[in-house]
N, C-alpha and C. Protein backbone atom coordinates (compact mmCIF):
# COMPACT_ATOMS: atom_id res chain seq x y z
N MET A 1 7.85 80.78 136.86
CA MET A 1 8.42 81.17 135.99
C MET A 1 7.99 80.77 135.03
N LYS A 2 6.55 81.68 134.24
CA LYS A 2 6.18 81.32 132.93
C LYS A 2 6.66 80.05 132.71
N SER A 3 6.12 79.66 131.61
CA SER A 3 6.06 78.76 130.80
C SER A 3 6.19 78.97 129.63
N ALA A 4 6.40 77.96 128.75
CA ALA A 4 8.21 78.29 127.50
C ALA A 4 6.84 78.95 127.06
N ARG A 5 6.07 78.70 126.97
CA ARG A 5 4.55 78.44 125.41
C ARG A 5 4.47 80.44 125.49
N ALA A 6 4.19 80.35 127.61
CA ALA A 6 3.39 82.17 127.84
C ALA A 6 4.32 83.21 127.43
N LEU A 7 5.69 82.47 127.78
CA LEU A 7 6.96 83.48 127.45
C LEU A 7 7.32 83.78 125.79
N LYS A 8 7.20 83.23 124.79
CA LYS A 8 6.78 82.66 123.09
C LYS A 8 5.98 83.87 123.00
N THR A 9 4.70 83.96 123.43
CA THR A 9 3.88 84.45 123.56
C THR A 9 3.74 85.62 123.83
N ALA A 10 3.67 86.41 124.89
CA ALA A 10 4.87 87.81 125.64
C ALA A 10 5.30 88.02 124.28
N LEU A 11 6.45 87.05 123.74
CA LEU A 11 8.06 87.83 123.10
C LEU A 11 6.85 88.48 121.64
N THR A 12 6.42 87.25 121.17
CA THR A 12 5.24 87.59 120.09
C THR A 12 4.82 88.87 120.42
N ARG A 13 3.74 89.07 120.99
CA ARG A 13 3.74 90.29 120.86
C ARG A 13 3.99 92.02 120.66
N VAL A 14 5.88 91.75 121.66
CA VAL A 14 6.37 93.16 121.95
C VAL A 14 6.03 93.36 120.81
N GLY A 15 6.54 92.23 119.85
CA GLY A 15 8.04 92.60 118.72
C GLY A 15 8.77 92.88 118.48
N ALA A 16 9.98 93.32 117.55
CA ALA A 16 11.34 93.69 116.59
C ALA A 16 11.23 94.71 117.01
N VAL A 17 12.55 95.57 118.16
CA VAL A 17 12.88 96.58 117.69
C VAL A 17 14.10 96.69 117.35
N ARG A 18 13.42 97.90 116.39
CA ARG A 18 15.22 98.08 115.29
C ARG A 18 16.16 99.43 116.57
N LEU A 19 17.43 99.33 116.81
CA LEU A 19 18.47 100.36 118.02
C LEU A 19 19.33 100.40 116.55
N SER A 20 19.76 101.30 116.86
CA SER A 20 21.03 102.24 115.97
C SER A 20 21.97 103.30 117.19
N GLY A 21 23.03 102.82 117.02
CA GLY A 21 24.06 103.65 117.22
C GLY A 21 25.16 102.75 118.14
N THR A 22 25.83 102.84 119.56
CA THR A 22 26.87 101.97 119.72
C THR A 22 26.08 101.73 121.05
N ALA A 23 26.12 100.38 120.74
CA ALA A 23 26.42 99.05 122.89
C ALA A 23 27.85 99.12 123.04
N VAL A 24 27.56 98.79 124.17
CA VAL A 24 29.04 98.77 124.68
C VAL A 24 28.68 96.75 125.69
N ARG A 25 29.08 96.20 125.56
CA ARG A 25 30.03 94.69 126.40
C ARG A 25 31.48 94.95 127.27
N LEU A 26 31.00 94.75 128.04
CA LEU A 26 32.16 94.60 129.39
C LEU A 26 31.65 93.14 129.91
N VAL A 27 32.99 92.54 129.99
CA VAL A 27 33.34 91.31 129.55
C VAL A 27 34.77 90.81 130.45
N ASP A 28 34.26 88.99 131.52
CA ASP A 28 35.56 88.77 131.87
C ASP A 28 36.32 88.73 130.62
N GLU A 29 37.37 89.02 131.08
CA GLU A 29 39.36 88.50 130.22
C GLU A 29 38.73 87.01 129.56
N ALA A 30 38.58 86.13 129.88
CA ALA A 30 37.65 85.06 130.08
C ALA A 30 37.27 84.81 128.51
N TRP A 31 36.05 85.46 128.89
CA TRP A 31 34.58 85.50 127.37
C TRP A 31 34.60 86.16 126.35
N ALA A 32 36.42 87.22 126.09
CA ALA A 32 36.40 88.36 125.96
C ALA A 32 36.90 87.36 124.27
N GLY A 33 37.18 86.28 123.89
CA GLY A 33 37.60 86.01 122.98
C GLY A 33 37.15 85.72 121.23
N PRO A 34 37.42 85.76 120.78
CA PRO A 34 36.92 86.52 118.76
C PRO A 34 35.68 85.57 119.38
N GLY A 35 35.49 84.83 119.46
CA GLY A 35 34.84 83.93 118.87
C GLY A 35 33.63 83.73 120.30
N ASP A 36 34.12 84.53 121.32
CA ASP A 36 32.42 84.04 122.74
C ASP A 36 32.47 85.50 122.63
N LEU A 37 32.80 86.61 122.34
CA LEU A 37 32.28 87.69 122.80
C LEU A 37 31.03 87.96 122.60
N LEU A 38 30.39 87.87 121.63
CA LEU A 38 29.32 87.85 120.99
C LEU A 38 27.88 85.95 121.02
N SER A 39 28.30 85.51 121.11
CA SER A 39 27.92 84.43 120.77
C SER A 39 27.23 84.07 122.29
N GLY A 40 27.06 84.63 122.84
CA GLY A 40 25.85 84.52 124.21
C GLY A 40 26.04 83.31 124.97
N GLU A 41 27.43 82.35 124.55
CA GLU A 41 27.13 81.46 125.26
C GLU A 41 27.34 80.78 126.87
N GLY A 42 28.71 82.47 127.78
CA GLY A 42 28.08 82.23 128.72
C GLY A 42 26.41 82.55 129.63
N ALA A 43 26.08 83.10 129.06
CA ALA A 43 24.50 83.54 129.37
C ALA A 43 24.18 81.45 129.07
N TYR A 44 23.70 81.44 128.13
CA TYR A 44 23.74 80.21 127.97
C TYR A 44 23.86 78.83 129.00
N ARG A 45 24.78 79.10 129.17
CA ARG A 45 25.97 77.78 130.28
C ARG A 45 25.64 77.87 131.64
N HIS A 46 25.15 79.41 131.84
CA HIS A 46 25.27 79.65 133.87
C HIS A 46 24.39 80.61 133.62
N GLY A 47 23.39 81.23 132.93
CA GLY A 47 21.89 81.82 133.39
C GLY A 47 22.41 83.40 133.38
N GLY A 48 21.77 84.20 133.27
CA GLY A 48 21.85 85.39 133.38
C GLY A 48 20.53 86.12 134.14
N ARG A 49 20.34 87.55 134.17
CA ARG A 49 19.47 88.19 134.88
C ARG A 49 18.98 88.12 134.13
N TYR A 50 17.87 87.38 132.66
CA TYR A 50 16.63 87.91 132.90
C TYR A 50 17.05 86.56 131.44
N ASN A 51 17.81 85.59 131.74
CA ASN A 51 17.22 83.69 130.83
C ASN A 51 18.15 83.61 132.08
N PRO A 52 17.73 82.11 132.71
CA PRO A 52 18.06 80.60 132.54
C PRO A 52 18.60 80.01 132.01
N PRO A 53 19.65 78.92 132.54
CA PRO A 53 20.97 77.93 132.51
C PRO A 53 20.40 76.89 131.72
N GLY A 54 20.97 77.31 130.18
CA GLY A 54 20.83 75.71 128.72
C GLY A 54 19.39 76.69 128.89
N ARG A 55 19.18 77.54 128.63
CA ARG A 55 17.49 77.73 127.09
C ARG A 55 18.10 78.32 126.35
N PHE A 56 18.44 79.00 126.17
CA PHE A 56 18.77 80.59 125.03
C PHE A 56 19.68 80.82 125.10
N ARG A 57 20.48 81.42 124.21
CA ARG A 57 21.61 82.40 123.79
C ARG A 57 21.14 84.09 124.75
N VAL A 58 21.77 84.42 125.35
CA VAL A 58 22.11 86.51 125.12
C VAL A 58 22.96 87.15 125.72
N VAL A 59 22.71 88.25 125.11
CA VAL A 59 24.60 89.05 124.92
C VAL A 59 24.08 90.04 125.57
N TYR A 60 24.26 90.08 126.88
CA TYR A 60 23.49 91.00 128.05
C TYR A 60 24.97 92.61 127.21
N LEU A 61 24.31 93.60 127.07
CA LEU A 61 25.12 94.86 126.03
C LEU A 61 23.90 96.62 127.24
N THR A 62 25.18 97.79 126.72
CA THR A 62 24.72 98.18 127.77
C THR A 62 24.92 99.75 126.53
N GLU A 63 24.00 101.02 126.74
CA GLU A 63 24.82 101.91 126.25
C GLU A 63 26.06 102.90 126.52
N ASN A 64 26.31 102.55 127.76
CA ASN A 64 28.05 103.05 127.09
C ASN A 64 28.45 102.45 128.41
N ALA A 65 29.73 102.76 128.51
CA ALA A 65 30.44 101.65 129.43
C ALA A 65 29.86 102.92 131.73
N ALA A 66 29.03 103.68 131.58
CA ALA A 66 29.42 104.23 132.25
C ALA A 66 28.30 103.43 133.53
N VAL A 67 27.45 102.76 132.64
CA VAL A 67 26.03 101.91 132.92
C VAL A 67 26.18 100.11 132.71
N GLY A 68 27.54 100.11 131.74
CA GLY A 68 27.91 98.84 132.02
C GLY A 68 28.19 98.68 133.80
N LEU A 69 29.72 99.17 133.87
CA LEU A 69 30.09 99.22 135.58
C LEU A 69 29.31 99.78 136.76
N ALA A 70 28.26 100.45 136.86
CA ALA A 70 26.91 100.22 137.93
C ALA A 70 26.45 98.69 137.32
N GLU A 71 25.92 98.51 136.56
CA GLU A 71 25.39 97.72 136.93
C GLU A 71 26.31 96.39 137.06
N ILE A 72 27.13 95.67 136.85
CA ILE A 72 28.37 95.13 138.05
C ILE A 72 28.25 96.19 139.72
N ALA A 73 28.59 96.92 139.58
CA ALA A 73 28.51 97.46 141.29
C ALA A 73 27.02 97.41 142.10
N TYR A 74 26.20 97.02 141.23
CA TYR A 74 24.92 97.01 142.22
C TYR A 74 24.98 95.17 142.59
N PRO A 75 25.06 94.71 141.89
CA PRO A 75 24.51 93.51 143.01
C PRO A 75 25.89 93.34 143.48
N LEU A 76 26.73 93.76 143.76
CA LEU A 76 28.10 93.66 144.15
C LEU A 76 28.24 94.32 145.59
N SER A 77 27.75 95.76 145.54
CA SER A 77 27.73 95.87 146.72
C SER A 77 26.25 95.11 147.65
N ALA A 78 25.25 94.59 146.64
CA ALA A 78 24.20 94.69 147.51
C ALA A 78 24.17 92.65 147.58
N GLY A 79 25.38 92.29 147.48
CA GLY A 79 25.97 90.55 148.09
C GLY A 79 25.40 89.94 146.99
N GLY A 80 25.25 89.97 145.70
CA GLY A 80 24.20 89.52 144.95
C GLY A 80 25.95 88.67 143.59
N ARG A 81 25.71 87.97 143.27
CA ARG A 81 26.21 87.18 142.10
C ARG A 81 26.73 87.92 141.01
N PHE A 82 27.75 88.25 140.52
CA PHE A 82 27.80 89.04 139.74
C PHE A 82 29.30 88.31 138.19
N ALA A 83 30.18 87.14 138.95
CA ALA A 83 31.03 86.35 137.99
C ALA A 83 29.80 85.09 137.52
N VAL A 84 30.77 84.45 136.37
CA VAL A 84 30.32 83.60 136.33
C VAL A 84 31.46 82.28 136.13
N PRO A 85 32.01 81.70 135.83
CA PRO A 85 33.12 80.34 135.21
C PRO A 85 33.94 81.06 133.96
N GLY A 86 34.90 80.68 133.67
CA GLY A 86 35.05 81.49 132.88
C GLY A 86 35.29 80.39 131.80
N PRO A 87 35.73 80.31 130.47
CA PRO A 87 35.36 79.00 129.80
C PRO A 87 36.14 77.55 129.81
N SER A 88 37.32 77.52 130.86
CA SER A 88 38.47 76.64 132.08
C SER A 88 37.54 76.26 133.01
N GLY A 89 36.31 77.22 133.09
CA GLY A 89 35.80 76.73 134.64
C GLY A 89 36.19 77.41 135.39
N SER A 90 37.47 78.92 134.99
CA SER A 90 38.12 79.21 136.59
C SER A 90 37.33 80.41 137.17
């Protein structure tokens, strides 16, 4: 894994990108509360595809439900891990 400094430098080079339109978020019911839905807390605590646990918050979105469902199905078909524990550890 790259150092935090290298990551920050790379992200600075990319710059901000403004997007518009509709985005979809598929979440487990455990994370569907108004305070959790867009907090990124689950990705912060448990890590995600593009972030290690405990480093920063990420909210994963997709362009439509079909893409989101495909993102879920692929790791399951490949024997990968999809679900992370809910806020109560369930």
